[in-house]
Amino acid sequence: MLANGIVNSWAIAISKRSPELMLFMYSDNAVLLATYTPLLQGKREIRGYFQDFLNKENLRCTITENIDQLDTDKDTSISSGLYTFRFTEYGQEVKVKARYTFVINENKIITHHSSVIPE
């Protein structure tokens, strides 16, 4: 599967709010440098992040821009771009624009970096 297919699946899965569904997309010793947390490694640490993150009411994610790259051996792909998270907090819709990089090997995310776009 191309990187953008995995990234699109990841974005759709966010709204299902299932940590196990999210973890299925990551390799066993994946690295996650998430928007609001320190460096996480492995499914145990990443699970804890998603258990908290996915608790947001009406959470959804939209990919707004994506660029895919494939390494010369064609076994690792990189997907970089922009996404927008929306969720409800205290009765108000919150919109967070962020940038991302996913590194994918053997159809699993091995590295994922996400950060809020500076204003």
PDB file of N, CA and C in Angstrom:
ATOM      1  N   MET A   1       0.854  -1.183   0.000  1.00  0.00           N
ATOM      2  CA  MET A   1       0.000   0.000   0.000  1.00  0.00           C
ATOM      3  C   MET A   1       0.895   1.240   0.000  1.00  0.00           C
ATOM      4  N   LEU A   2       0.559   2.218  -0.815  1.00  0.00           N
ATOM      5  CA  LEU A   2       1.305   3.462  -0.828  1.00  0.00           C
ATOM      6  C   LEU A   2       1.105   4.221   0.473  1.00  0.00           C
ATOM      7  N   ALA A   3       2.066   5.066   0.787  1.00  0.00           N
ATOM      8  CA  ALA A   3       2.014   5.829   2.036  1.00  0.00           C
ATOM      9  C   ALA A   3       0.713   6.602   2.164  1.00  0.00           C
ATOM     10  N   ASN A   4       0.273   7.259   1.082  1.00  0.00           N
ATOM     11  CA  ASN A   4      -0.942   8.068   1.213  1.00  0.00           C
ATOM     12  C   ASN A   4      -2.162   7.210   1.537  1.00  0.00           C
ATOM     13  N   GLY A   5      -2.177   5.950   1.120  1.00  0.00           N
ATOM     14  CA  GLY A   5      -3.275   5.059   1.490  1.00  0.00           C
ATOM     15  C   GLY A   5      -3.288   4.785   2.985  1.00  0.00           C
ATOM     16  N   ILE A   6      -2.131   4.566   3.559  1.00  0.00           N
ATOM     17  CA  ILE A   6      -2.039   4.341   4.999  1.00  0.00           C
ATOM     18  C   ILE A   6      -2.377   5.615   5.759  1.00  0.00           C
ATOM     19  N   VAL A   7      -1.894   6.748   5.279  1.00  0.00           N
ATOM     20  CA  VAL A   7      -2.183   8.020   5.947  1.00  0.00           C
ATOM     21  C   VAL A   7      -3.681   8.319   5.879  1.00  0.00           C
ATOM     22  N   ASN A   8      -4.296   8.097   4.745  1.00  0.00           N
ATOM     23  CA  ASN A   8      -5.750   8.304   4.640  1.00  0.00           C
ATOM     24  C   ASN A   8      -6.503   7.361   5.569  1.00  0.00           C
ATOM     25  N   SER A   9      -6.079   6.102   5.637  1.00  0.00           N
ATOM     26  CA  SER A   9      -6.706   5.152   6.559  1.00  0.00           C
ATOM     27  C   SER A   9      -6.530   5.607   7.999  1.00  0.00           C
ATOM     28  N   TRP A  10      -5.359   6.124   8.326  1.00  0.00           N
ATOM     29  CA  TRP A  10      -5.070   6.634   9.674  1.00  0.00           C
ATOM     30  C   TRP A  10      -6.034   7.774  10.003  1.00  0.00           C
ATOM     31  N   ALA A  11      -6.197   8.707   9.070  1.00  0.00           N
ATOM     32  CA  ALA A  11      -7.069   9.865   9.302  1.00  0.00           C
ATOM     33  C   ALA A  11      -8.524   9.430   9.493  1.00  0.00           C
ATOM     34  N   ILE A  12      -8.978   8.477   8.723  1.00  0.00           N
ATOM     35  CA  ILE A  12     -10.346   7.972   8.862  1.00  0.00           C
ATOM     36  C   ILE A  12     -10.511   7.247  10.199  1.00  0.00           C
ATOM     37  N   ALA A  13      -9.498   6.477  10.584  1.00  0.00           N
ATOM     38  CA  ALA A  13      -9.570   5.703  11.830  1.00  0.00           C
ATOM     39  C   ALA A  13      -9.655   6.591  13.065  1.00  0.00           C
ATOM     40  N   ILE A  14      -9.124   7.809  12.988  1.00  0.00           N
ATOM     41  CA  ILE A  14      -9.184   8.731  14.136  1.00  0.00           C
ATOM     42  C   ILE A  14     -10.618   8.873  14.637  1.00  0.00           C
ATOM     43  N   SER A  15     -11.560   9.033  13.730  1.00  0.00           N
ATOM     44  CA  SER A  15     -12.950   9.271  14.136  1.00  0.00           C
ATOM     45  C   SER A  15     -13.601   8.036  14.770  1.00  0.00           C
ATOM     46  N   LYS A  16     -13.010   6.876  14.585  1.00  0.00           N
ATOM     47  CA  LYS A  16     -13.541   5.656  15.199  1.00  0.00           C
ATOM     48  C   LYS A  16     -13.139   5.553  16.671  1.00  0.00           C
ATOM     49  N   ARG A  17     -12.139   6.348  17.066  1.00  0.00           N
ATOM     50  CA  ARG A  17     -11.723   6.501  18.470  1.00  0.00           C
ATOM     51  C   ARG A  17     -11.338   5.174  19.130  1.00  0.00           C
ATOM     52  N   SER A  18     -10.663   4.313  18.396  1.00  0.00           N
ATOM     53  CA  SER A  18     -10.230   3.012  18.903  1.00  0.00           C
ATOM     54  C   SER A  18      -8.703   2.946  18.962  1.00  0.00           C
ATOM     55  N   PRO A  19      -8.117   2.940  20.162  1.00  0.00           N
ATOM     56  CA  PRO A  19      -6.655   2.823  20.259  1.00  0.00           C
ATOM     57  C   PRO A  19      -6.128   1.572  19.555  1.00  0.00           C
ATOM     58  N   GLU A  20      -6.836   0.458  19.659  1.00  0.00           N
ATOM     59  CA  GLU A  20      -6.367  -0.784  19.035  1.00  0.00           C
ATOM     60  C   GLU A  20      -6.344  -0.670  17.512  1.00  0.00           C
ATOM     61  N   LEU A  21      -7.335  -0.010  16.938  1.00  0.00           N
ATOM     62  CA  LEU A  21      -7.354   0.206  15.496  1.00  0.00           C
ATOM     63  C   LEU A  21      -6.161   1.061  15.079  1.00  0.00           C
ATOM     64  N   MET A  22      -5.860   2.089  15.852  1.00  0.00           N
ATOM     65  CA  MET A  22      -4.711   2.945  15.536  1.00  0.00           C
ATOM     66  C   MET A  22      -3.407   2.154  15.655  1.00  0.00           C
ATOM     67  N   LEU A  23      -3.273   1.374  16.716  1.00  0.00           N
ATOM     68  CA  LEU A  23      -2.040   0.612  16.949  1.00  0.00           C
ATOM     69  C   LEU A  23      -1.771  -0.407  15.856  1.00  0.00           C
ATOM     70  N   PHE A  24      -2.815  -0.929  15.257  1.00  0.00           N
ATOM     71  CA  PHE A  24      -2.660  -1.905  14.186  1.00  0.00           C
ATOM     72  C   PHE A  24      -1.809  -1.342  13.042  1.00  0.00           C
ATOM     73  N   MET A  25      -1.829  -0.039  12.851  1.00  0.00           N
ATOM     74  CA  MET A  25      -1.112   0.595  11.749  1.00  0.00           C
ATOM     75  C   MET A  25       0.367   0.835  12.045  1.00  0.00           C
ATOM     76  N   TYR A  26       0.774   0.677  13.295  1.00  0.00           N
ATOM     77  CA  TYR A  26       2.154   0.957  13.714  1.00  0.00           C
ATOM     78  C   TYR A  26       2.955  -0.336  13.858  1.00  0.00           C
ATOM     79  N   SER A  27       4.252  -0.267  13.544  1.00  0.00           N
ATOM     80  CA  SER A  27       5.133  -1.412  13.790  1.00  0.00           C
ATOM     81  C   SER A  27       5.318  -1.590  15.295  1.00  0.00           C
ATOM     82  N   ASP A  28       5.807  -2.743  15.691  1.00  0.00           N
ATOM     83  CA  ASP A  28       5.949  -3.040  17.124  1.00  0.00           C
ATOM     84  C   ASP A  28       6.836  -2.055  17.868  1.00  0.00           C
ATOM     85  N   ASN A  29       7.888  -1.570  17.227  1.00  0.00           N
ATOM     86  CA  ASN A  29       8.786  -0.626  17.910  1.00  0.00           C
ATOM     87  C   ASN A  29       8.777   0.744  17.231  1.00  0.00           C
ATOM     88  N   ALA A  30       7.616   1.135  16.738  1.00  0.00           N
ATOM     89  CA  ALA A  30       7.454   2.435  16.069  1.00  0.00           C
ATOM     90  C   ALA A  30       7.823   3.584  17.010  1.00  0.00           C
ATOM     91  N   VAL A  31       8.156   4.703  16.405  1.00  0.00           N
ATOM     92  CA  VAL A  31       8.435   5.934  17.131  1.00  0.00           C
ATOM     93  C   VAL A  31       7.337   6.939  16.787  1.00  0.00           C
ATOM     94  N   LEU A  32       6.777   7.564  17.818  1.00  0.00           N
ATOM     95  CA  LEU A  32       5.760   8.602  17.631  1.00  0.00           C
ATOM     96  C   LEU A  32       6.223   9.855  18.351  1.00  0.00           C
ATOM     97  N   LEU A  33       6.409  10.903  17.592  1.00  0.00           N
ATOM     98  CA  LEU A  33       6.688  12.223  18.150  1.00  0.00           C
ATOM     99  C   LEU A  33       5.416  13.023  17.917  1.00  0.00           C
ATOM    100  N   ALA A  34       4.505  12.911  18.876  1.00  0.00           N
ATOM    101  CA  ALA A  34       3.163  13.468  18.731  1.00  0.00           C
ATOM    102  C   ALA A  34       3.140  14.962  19.042  1.00  0.00           C
ATOM    103  N   THR A  35       2.053  15.573  18.677  1.00  0.00           N
ATOM    104  CA  THR A  35       1.903  17.016  18.790  1.00  0.00           C
ATOM    105  C   THR A  35       2.105  17.536  20.211  1.00  0.00           C
ATOM    106  N   TYR A  36       1.547  16.857  21.188  1.00  0.00           N
ATOM    107  CA  TYR A  36       1.566  17.387  22.554  1.00  0.00           C
ATOM    108  C   TYR A  36       2.268  16.486  23.559  1.00  0.00           C
ATOM    109  N   THR A  37       3.129  15.580  23.104  1.00  0.00           N
ATOM    110  CA  THR A  37       3.793  14.672  24.035  1.00  0.00           C
ATOM    111  C   THR A  37       5.263  14.540  23.693  1.00  0.00           C
ATOM    112  N   PRO A  38       6.046  14.032  24.639  1.00  0.00           N
ATOM    113  CA  PRO A  38       7.443  13.745  24.330  1.00  0.00           C
ATOM    114  C   PRO A  38       7.544  12.520  23.424  1.00  0.00           C
ATOM    115  N   LEU A  39       8.733  12.159  23.077  1.00  0.00           N
ATOM    116  CA  LEU A  39       9.008  11.016  22.209  1.00  0.00           C
ATOM    117  C   LEU A  39       8.443   9.728  22.807  1.00  0.00           C
ATOM    118  N   LEU A  40       7.705   8.984  21.993  1.00  0.00           N
ATOM    119  CA  LEU A  40       7.127   7.709  22.416  1.00  0.00           C
ATOM    120  C   LEU A  40       7.694   6.608  21.528  1.00  0.00           C
ATOM    121  N   GLN A  41       7.983   5.447  22.129  1.00  0.00           N
ATOM    122  CA  GLN A  41       8.477   4.333  21.324  1.00  0.00           C
ATOM    123  C   GLN A  41       7.801   3.041  21.751  1.00  0.00           C
ATOM    124  N   GLY A  42       7.382   2.287  20.768  1.00  0.00           N
ATOM    125  CA  GLY A  42       6.750   0.994  21.010  1.00  0.00           C
ATOM    126  C   GLY A  42       5.257   1.129  21.230  1.00  0.00           C
ATOM    127  N   LYS A  43       4.570   0.027  21.001  1.00  0.00           N
ATOM    128  CA  LYS A  43       3.109   0.050  21.061  1.00  0.00           C
ATOM    129  C   LYS A  43       2.567   0.351  22.454  1.00  0.00           C
ATOM    130  N   ARG A  44       3.269  -0.037  23.509  1.00  0.00           N
ATOM    131  CA  ARG A  44       2.778   0.236  24.858  1.00  0.00           C
ATOM    132  C   ARG A  44       2.680   1.743  25.096  1.00  0.00           C
ATOM    133  N   GLU A  45       3.737   2.474  24.767  1.00  0.00           N
ATOM    134  CA  GLU A  45       3.722   3.930  24.961  1.00  0.00           C
ATOM    135  C   GLU A  45       2.753   4.605  24.005  1.00  0.00           C
ATOM    136  N   ILE A  46       2.717   4.148  22.771  1.00  0.00           N
ATOM    137  CA  ILE A  46       1.821   4.742  21.777  1.00  0.00           C
ATOM    138  C   ILE A  46       0.365   4.478  22.150  1.00  0.00           C
ATOM    139  N   ARG A  47       0.062   3.310  22.680  1.00  0.00           N
ATOM    140  CA  ARG A  47      -1.297   2.992  23.131  1.00  0.00           C
ATOM    141  C   ARG A  47      -1.764   4.024  24.164  1.00  0.00           C
ATOM    142  N   GLY A  48      -0.914   4.323  25.148  1.00  0.00           N
ATOM    143  CA  GLY A  48      -1.268   5.308  26.172  1.00  0.00           C
ATOM    144  C   GLY A  48      -1.598   6.660  25.568  1.00  0.00           C
ATOM    145  N   TYR A  49      -0.826   7.063  24.580  1.00  0.00           N
ATOM    146  CA  TYR A  49      -1.095   8.336  23.900  1.00  0.00           C
ATOM    147  C   TYR A  49      -2.477   8.315  23.255  1.00  0.00           C
ATOM    148  N   PHE A  50      -2.766   7.262  22.490  1.00  0.00           N
ATOM    149  CA  PHE A  50      -4.047   7.208  21.792  1.00  0.00           C
ATOM    150  C   PHE A  50      -5.219   7.047  22.748  1.00  0.00           C
ATOM    151  N   GLN A  51      -5.037   6.356  23.851  1.00  0.00           N
ATOM    152  CA  GLN A  51      -6.119   6.245  24.823  1.00  0.00           C
ATOM    153  C   GLN A  51      -6.544   7.626  25.304  1.00  0.00           C
ATOM    154  N   ASP A  52      -5.596   8.521  25.465  1.00  0.00           N
ATOM    155  CA  ASP A  52      -5.911   9.885  25.893  1.00  0.00           C
ATOM    156  C   ASP A  52      -6.414  10.739  24.719  1.00  0.00           C
ATOM    157  N   PHE A  53      -5.669  10.731  23.631  1.00  0.00           N
ATOM    158  CA  PHE A  53      -5.985  11.588  22.486  1.00  0.00           C
ATOM    159  C   PHE A  53      -7.363  11.292  21.904  1.00  0.00           C
ATOM    160  N   LEU A  54      -7.724  10.028  21.815  1.00  0.00           N
ATOM    161  CA  LEU A  54      -8.981   9.643  21.169  1.00  0.00           C
ATOM    162  C   LEU A  54     -10.209   9.901  22.031  1.00  0.00           C
ATOM    163  N   ASN A  55     -10.019  10.381  23.254  1.00  0.00           N
ATOM    164  CA  ASN A  55     -11.152  10.702  24.130  1.00  0.00           C
ATOM    165  C   ASN A  55     -11.833  12.017  23.762  1.00  0.00           C
ATOM    166  N   LYS A  56     -11.274  12.754  22.836  1.00  0.00           N
ATOM    167  CA  LYS A  56     -11.862  14.035  22.454  1.00  0.00           C
ATOM    168  C   LYS A  56     -13.221  13.813  21.772  1.00  0.00           C
ATOM    169  N   GLU A  57     -14.199  14.601  22.177  1.00  0.00           N
ATOM    170  CA  GLU A  57     -15.550  14.478  21.642  1.00  0.00           C
ATOM    171  C   GLU A  57     -15.590  14.908  20.175  1.00  0.00           C
ATOM    172  N   ASN A  58     -16.284  14.123  19.341  1.00  0.00           N
ATOM    173  CA  ASN A  58     -16.451  14.414  17.906  1.00  0.00           C
ATOM    174  C   ASN A  58     -15.117  14.558  17.166  1.00  0.00           C
ATOM    175  N   LEU A  59     -14.113  13.836  17.582  1.00  0.00           N
ATOM    176  CA  LEU A  59     -12.788  13.936  16.980  1.00  0.00           C
ATOM    177  C   LEU A  59     -12.803  13.426  15.543  1.00  0.00           C
ATOM    178  N   ARG A  60     -12.198  14.204  14.670  1.00  0.00           N
ATOM    179  CA  ARG A  60     -12.014  13.794  13.281  1.00  0.00           C
ATOM    180  C   ARG A  60     -10.774  14.466  12.715  1.00  0.00           C
ATOM    181  N   CYS A  61     -10.279  13.914  11.621  1.00  0.00           N
ATOM    182  CA  CYS A  61      -9.049  14.401  11.002  1.00  0.00           C
ATOM    183  C   CYS A  61      -9.247  14.464   9.496  1.00  0.00           C
ATOM    184  N   THR A  62      -8.789  15.547   8.896  1.00  0.00           N
ATOM    185  CA  THR A  62      -8.863  15.734   7.456  1.00  0.00           C
ATOM    186  C   THR A  62      -7.470  16.012   6.920  1.00  0.00           C
ATOM    187  N   ILE A  63      -7.053  15.247   5.931  1.00  0.00           N
ATOM    188  CA  ILE A  63      -5.779  15.502   5.251  1.00  0.00           C
ATOM    189  C   ILE A  63      -6.027  16.651   4.276  1.00  0.00           C
ATOM    190  N   THR A  64      -5.228  17.705   4.379  1.00  0.00           N
ATOM    191  CA  THR A  64      -5.421  18.845   3.483  1.00  0.00           C
ATOM    192  C   THR A  64      -4.344  18.951   2.411  1.00  0.00           C
ATOM    193  N   GLU A  65      -3.196  18.349   2.655  1.00  0.00           N
ATOM    194  CA  GLU A  65      -2.121  18.365   1.669  1.00  0.00           C
ATOM    195  C   GLU A  65      -1.224  17.170   1.943  1.00  0.00           C
ATOM    196  N   ASN A  66      -0.767  16.494   0.889  1.00  0.00           N
ATOM    197  CA  ASN A  66       0.071  15.309   1.077  1.00  0.00           C
ATOM    198  C   ASN A  66       1.074  15.179  -0.060  1.00  0.00           C
ATOM    199  N   ILE A  67       2.301  14.828   0.295  1.00  0.00           N
ATOM    200  CA  ILE A  67       3.347  14.527  -0.689  1.00  0.00           C
ATOM    201  C   ILE A  67       3.936  13.184  -0.303  1.00  0.00           C
ATOM    202  N   ASP A  68       3.984  12.245  -1.261  1.00  0.00           N
ATOM    203  CA  ASP A  68       4.575  10.927  -1.029  1.00  0.00           C
ATOM    204  C   ASP A  68       5.933  10.841  -1.690  1.00  0.00           C
ATOM    205  N   GLN A  69       6.837  10.125  -1.022  1.00  0.00           N
ATOM    206  CA  GLN A  69       8.150   9.835  -1.580  1.00  0.00           C
ATOM    207  C   GLN A  69       8.419   8.355  -1.361  1.00  0.00           C
ATOM    208  N   LEU A  70       9.162   7.745  -2.271  1.00  0.00           N
ATOM    209  CA  LEU A  70       9.523   6.346  -2.170  1.00  0.00           C
ATOM    210  C   LEU A  70      11.034   6.246  -2.229  1.00  0.00           C
ATOM    211  N   ASP A  71      11.647   5.480  -1.304  1.00  0.00           N
ATOM    212  CA  ASP A  71      13.110   5.375  -1.322  1.00  0.00           C
ATOM    213  C   ASP A  71      13.554   4.573  -2.540  1.00  0.00           C
ATOM    214  N   THR A  72      14.837   4.611  -2.826  1.00  0.00           N
ATOM    215  CA  THR A  72      15.354   3.974  -4.044  1.00  0.00           C
ATOM    216  C   THR A  72      15.169   2.464  -4.051  1.00  0.00           C
ATOM    217  N   ASP A  73      15.141   1.840  -2.874  1.00  0.00           N
ATOM    218  CA  ASP A  73      14.910   0.391  -2.810  1.00  0.00           C
ATOM    219  C   ASP A  73      13.425   0.042  -2.894  1.00  0.00           C
ATOM    220  N   LYS A  74      12.586   1.047  -2.861  1.00  0.00           N
ATOM    221  CA  LYS A  74      11.129   0.894  -2.968  1.00  0.00           C
ATOM    222  C   LYS A  74      10.522   0.047  -1.851  1.00  0.00           C
ATOM    223  N   ASP A  75      11.154   0.070  -0.667  1.00  0.00           N
ATOM    224  CA  ASP A  75      10.578  -0.664   0.449  1.00  0.00           C
ATOM    225  C   ASP A  75      10.153   0.245   1.596  1.00  0.00           C
ATOM    226  N   THR A  76      10.542   1.505   1.520  1.00  0.00           N
ATOM    227  CA  THR A  76      10.156   2.476   2.543  1.00  0.00           C
ATOM    228  C   THR A  76       9.574   3.689   1.838  1.00  0.00           C
ATOM    229  N   SER A  77       8.422   4.143   2.331  1.00  0.00           N
ATOM    230  CA  SER A  77       7.813   5.343   1.769  1.00  0.00           C
ATOM    231  C   SER A  77       7.631   6.382   2.869  1.00  0.00           C
ATOM    232  N   ILE A  78       7.616   7.614   2.449  1.00  0.00           N
ATOM    233  CA  ILE A  78       7.476   8.749   3.366  1.00  0.00           C
ATOM    234  C   ILE A  78       6.318   9.586   2.872  1.00  0.00           C
ATOM    235  N   SER A  79       5.446   9.939   3.792  1.00  0.00           N
ATOM    236  CA  SER A  79       4.302  10.777   3.465  1.00  0.00           C
ATOM    237  C   SER A  79       4.367  12.002   4.366  1.00  0.00           C
ATOM    238  N   SER A  80       4.433  13.168   3.767  1.00  0.00           N
ATOM    239  CA  SER A  80       4.507  14.424   4.518  1.00  0.00           C
ATOM    240  C   SER A  80       3.374  15.325   4.072  1.00  0.00           C
ATOM    241  N   GLY A  81       2.854  16.085   5.011  1.00  0.00           N
ATOM    242  CA  GLY A  81       1.775  16.975   4.626  1.00  0.00           C
ATOM    243  C   GLY A  81       1.146  17.699   5.784  1.00  0.00           C
ATOM    244  N   LEU A  82      -0.083  18.113   5.541  1.00  0.00           N
ATOM    245  CA  LEU A  82      -0.835  18.896   6.520  1.00  0.00           C
ATOM    246  C   LEU A  82      -2.155  18.204   6.798  1.00  0.00           C
ATOM    247  N   TYR A  83      -2.568  18.231   8.063  1.00  0.00           N
ATOM    248  CA  TYR A  83      -3.889  17.738   8.420  1.00  0.00           C
ATOM    249  C   TYR A  83      -4.525  18.671   9.423  1.00  0.00           C
ATOM    250  N   THR A  84      -5.841  18.574   9.521  1.00  0.00           N
ATOM    251  CA  THR A  84      -6.595  19.386  10.459  1.00  0.00           C
ATOM    252  C   THR A  84      -7.406  18.460  11.348  1.00  0.00           C
ATOM    253  N   PHE A  85      -7.252  18.647  12.655  1.00  0.00           N
ATOM    254  CA  PHE A  85      -8.053  17.919  13.629  1.00  0.00           C
ATOM    255  C   PHE A  85      -9.190  18.830  14.068  1.00  0.00           C
ATOM    256  N   ARG A  86     -10.361  18.246  14.214  1.00  0.00           N
ATOM    257  CA  ARG A  86     -11.520  18.967  14.748  1.00  0.00           C
ATOM    258  C   ARG A  86     -12.102  18.128  15.873  1.00  0.00           C
ATOM    259  N   PHE A  87     -12.504  18.803  16.939  1.00  0.00           N
ATOM    260  CA  PHE A  87     -13.158  18.131  18.053  1.00  0.00           C
ATOM    261  C   PHE A  87     -13.944  19.162  18.846  1.00  0.00           C
ATOM    262  N   THR A  88     -14.793  18.681  19.732  1.00  0.00           N
ATOM    263  CA  THR A  88     -15.616  19.558  20.556  1.00  0.00           C
ATOM    264  C   THR A  88     -15.026  19.623  21.954  1.00  0.00           C
ATOM    265  N   GLU A  89     -14.891  20.839  22.453  1.00  0.00           N
ATOM    266  CA  GLU A  89     -14.374  21.057  23.806  1.00  0.00           C
ATOM    267  C   GLU A  89     -15.202  22.159  24.454  1.00  0.00           C
ATOM    268  N   TYR A  90     -15.813  21.835  25.589  1.00  0.00           N
ATOM    269  CA  TYR A  90     -16.681  22.786  26.299  1.00  0.00           C
ATOM    270  C   TYR A  90     -17.770  23.344  25.388  1.00  0.00           C
ATOM    271  N   GLY A  91     -18.323  22.477  24.525  1.00  0.00           N
ATOM    272  CA  GLY A  91     -19.420  22.864  23.657  1.00  0.00           C
ATOM    273  C   GLY A  91     -19.010  23.640  22.414  1.00  0.00           C
ATOM    274  N   GLN A  92     -17.727  23.899  22.236  1.00  0.00           N
ATOM    275  CA  GLN A  92     -17.231  24.660  21.091  1.00  0.00           C
ATOM    276  C   GLN A  92     -16.375  23.771  20.192  1.00  0.00           C
ATOM    277  N   GLU A  93     -16.482  23.978  18.873  1.00  0.00           N
ATOM    278  CA  GLU A  93     -15.606  23.239  17.969  1.00  0.00           C
ATOM    279  C   GLU A  93     -14.205  23.841  18.022  1.00  0.00           C
ATOM    280  N   VAL A  94     -13.225  22.967  18.174  1.00  0.00           N
ATOM    281  CA  VAL A  94     -11.814  23.358  18.157  1.00  0.00           C
ATOM    282  C   VAL A  94     -11.221  22.819  16.865  1.00  0.00           C
ATOM    283  N   LYS A  95     -10.420  23.639  16.200  1.00  0.00           N
ATOM    284  CA  LYS A  95      -9.761  23.236  14.960  1.00  0.00           C
ATOM    285  C   LYS A  95      -8.259  23.421  15.160  1.00  0.00           C
ATOM    286  N   VAL A  96      -7.499  22.342  14.969  1.00  0.00           N
ATOM    287  CA  VAL A  96      -6.051  22.384  15.128  1.00  0.00           C
ATOM    288  C   VAL A  96      -5.416  21.979  13.802  1.00  0.00           C
ATOM    289  N   LYS A  97      -4.675  22.902  13.209  1.00  0.00           N
ATOM    290  CA  LYS A  97      -3.954  22.605  11.968  1.00  0.00           C
ATOM    291  C   LYS A  97      -2.555  22.137  12.346  1.00  0.00           C
ATOM    292  N   ALA A  98      -2.151  21.015  11.760  1.00  0.00           N
ATOM    293  CA  ALA A  98      -0.851  20.440  12.096  1.00  0.00           C
ATOM    294  C   ALA A  98      -0.165  19.923  10.832  1.00  0.00           C
ATOM    295  N   ARG A  99       1.108  19.665  10.969  1.00  0.00           N
ATOM    296  CA  ARG A  99       1.888  19.081   9.872  1.00  0.00           C
ATOM    297  C   ARG A  99       2.344  17.697  10.323  1.00  0.00           C
ATOM    298  N   TYR A 100       2.635  16.839   9.368  1.00  0.00           N
ATOM    299  CA  TYR A 100       3.006  15.470   9.710  1.00  0.00           C
ATOM    300  C   TYR A 100       4.052  14.917   8.770  1.00  0.00           C
ATOM    301  N   THR A 101       4.729  13.889   9.255  1.00  0.00           N
ATOM    302  CA  THR A 101       5.563  13.013   8.445  1.00  0.00           C
ATOM    303  C   THR A 101       5.351  11.596   8.958  1.00  0.00           C
ATOM    304  N   PHE A 102       5.005  10.704   8.055  1.00  0.00           N
ATOM    305  CA  PHE A 102       4.894   9.280   8.353  1.00  0.00           C
ATOM    306  C   PHE A 102       5.974   8.567   7.551  1.00  0.00           C
ATOM    307  N   VAL A 103       6.718   7.675   8.181  1.00  0.00           N
ATOM    308  CA  VAL A 103       7.653   6.797   7.488  1.00  0.00           C
ATOM    309  C   VAL A 103       7.057   5.393   7.580  1.00  0.00           C
ATOM    310  N   ILE A 104       6.897   4.755   6.428  1.00  0.00           N
ATOM    311  CA  ILE A 104       6.170   3.487   6.360  1.00  0.00           C
ATOM    312  C   ILE A 104       7.042   2.429   5.699  1.00  0.00           C
ATOM    313  N   ASN A 105       7.096   1.266   6.351  1.00  0.00           N
ATOM    314  CA  ASN A 105       7.849   0.134   5.822  1.00  0.00           C
ATOM    315  C   ASN A 105       7.005  -1.114   6.057  1.00  0.00           C
ATOM    316  N   GLU A 106       6.905  -1.969   5.046  1.00  0.00           N
ATOM    317  CA  GLU A 106       6.108  -3.190   5.126  1.00  0.00           C
ATOM    318  C   GLU A 106       4.678  -2.902   5.598  1.00  0.00           C
ATOM    319  N   ASN A 107       4.106  -1.821   5.077  1.00  0.00           N
ATOM    320  CA  ASN A 107       2.722  -1.417   5.355  1.00  0.00           C
ATOM    321  C   ASN A 107       2.454  -1.081   6.814  1.00  0.00           C
ATOM    322  N   LYS A 108       3.495  -0.741   7.557  1.00  0.00           N
ATOM    323  CA  LYS A 108       3.343  -0.321   8.950  1.00  0.00           C
ATOM    324  C   LYS A 108       4.057   1.011   9.138  1.00  0.00           C
ATOM    325  N   ILE A 109       3.497   1.844   9.983  1.00  0.00           N
ATOM    326  CA  ILE A 109       4.134   3.117  10.329  1.00  0.00           C
ATOM    327  C   ILE A 109       5.294   2.806  11.259  1.00  0.00           C
ATOM    328  N   ILE A 110       6.506   3.225  10.864  1.00  0.00           N
ATOM    329  CA  ILE A 110       7.666   3.008  11.736  1.00  0.00           C
ATOM    330  C   ILE A 110       8.071   4.297  12.450  1.00  0.00           C
ATOM    331  N   THR A 111       7.748   5.431  11.853  1.00  0.00           N
ATOM    332  CA  THR A 111       7.987   6.725  12.488  1.00  0.00           C
ATOM    333  C   THR A 111       6.861   7.671  12.087  1.00  0.00           C
ATOM    334  N   HIS A 112       6.378   8.421  13.073  1.00  0.00           N
ATOM    335  CA  HIS A 112       5.302   9.399  12.835  1.00  0.00           C
ATOM    336  C   HIS A 112       5.640  10.638  13.653  1.00  0.00           C
ATOM    337  N   HIS A 113       5.745  11.757  12.961  1.00  0.00           N
ATOM    338  CA  HIS A 113       5.974  13.044  13.622  1.00  0.00           C
ATOM    339  C   HIS A 113       4.797  13.945  13.302  1.00  0.00           C
ATOM    340  N   SER A 114       4.317  14.670  14.308  1.00  0.00           N
ATOM    341  CA  SER A 114       3.204  15.595  14.137  1.00  0.00           C
ATOM    342  C   SER A 114       3.469  16.823  14.982  1.00  0.00           C
ATOM    343  N   SER A 115       3.197  17.994  14.418  1.00  0.00           N
ATOM    344  CA  SER A 115       3.354  19.231  15.196  1.00  0.00           C
ATOM    345  C   SER A 115       2.378  20.288  14.686  1.00  0.00           C
ATOM    346  N   VAL A 116       1.939  21.124  15.608  1.00  0.00           N
ATOM    347  CA  VAL A 116       1.025  22.212  15.268  1.00  0.00           C
ATOM    348  C   VAL A 116       1.746  23.174  14.332  1.00  0.00           C
ATOM    349  N   ILE A 117       1.029  23.672  13.344  1.00  0.00           N
ATOM    350  CA  ILE A 117       1.596  24.657  12.419  1.00  0.00           C
ATOM    351  C   ILE A 117       1.743  25.981  13.172  1.00  0.00           C
ATOM    352  N   PRO A 118       2.952  26.547  13.188  1.00  0.00           N
ATOM    353  CA  PRO A 118       3.116  27.846  13.881  1.00  0.00           C
ATOM    354  C   PRO A 118       2.266  28.919  13.222  1.00  0.00           C
ATOM    355  N   GLU A 119       1.733  29.793  14.031  1.00  0.00           N
ATOM    356  CA  GLU A 119       0.885  30.875  13.499  1.00  0.00           C
ATOM    357  C   GLU A 119       1.697  32.109  13.204  1.00  0.00           C
TER     358      GLU A 119
END
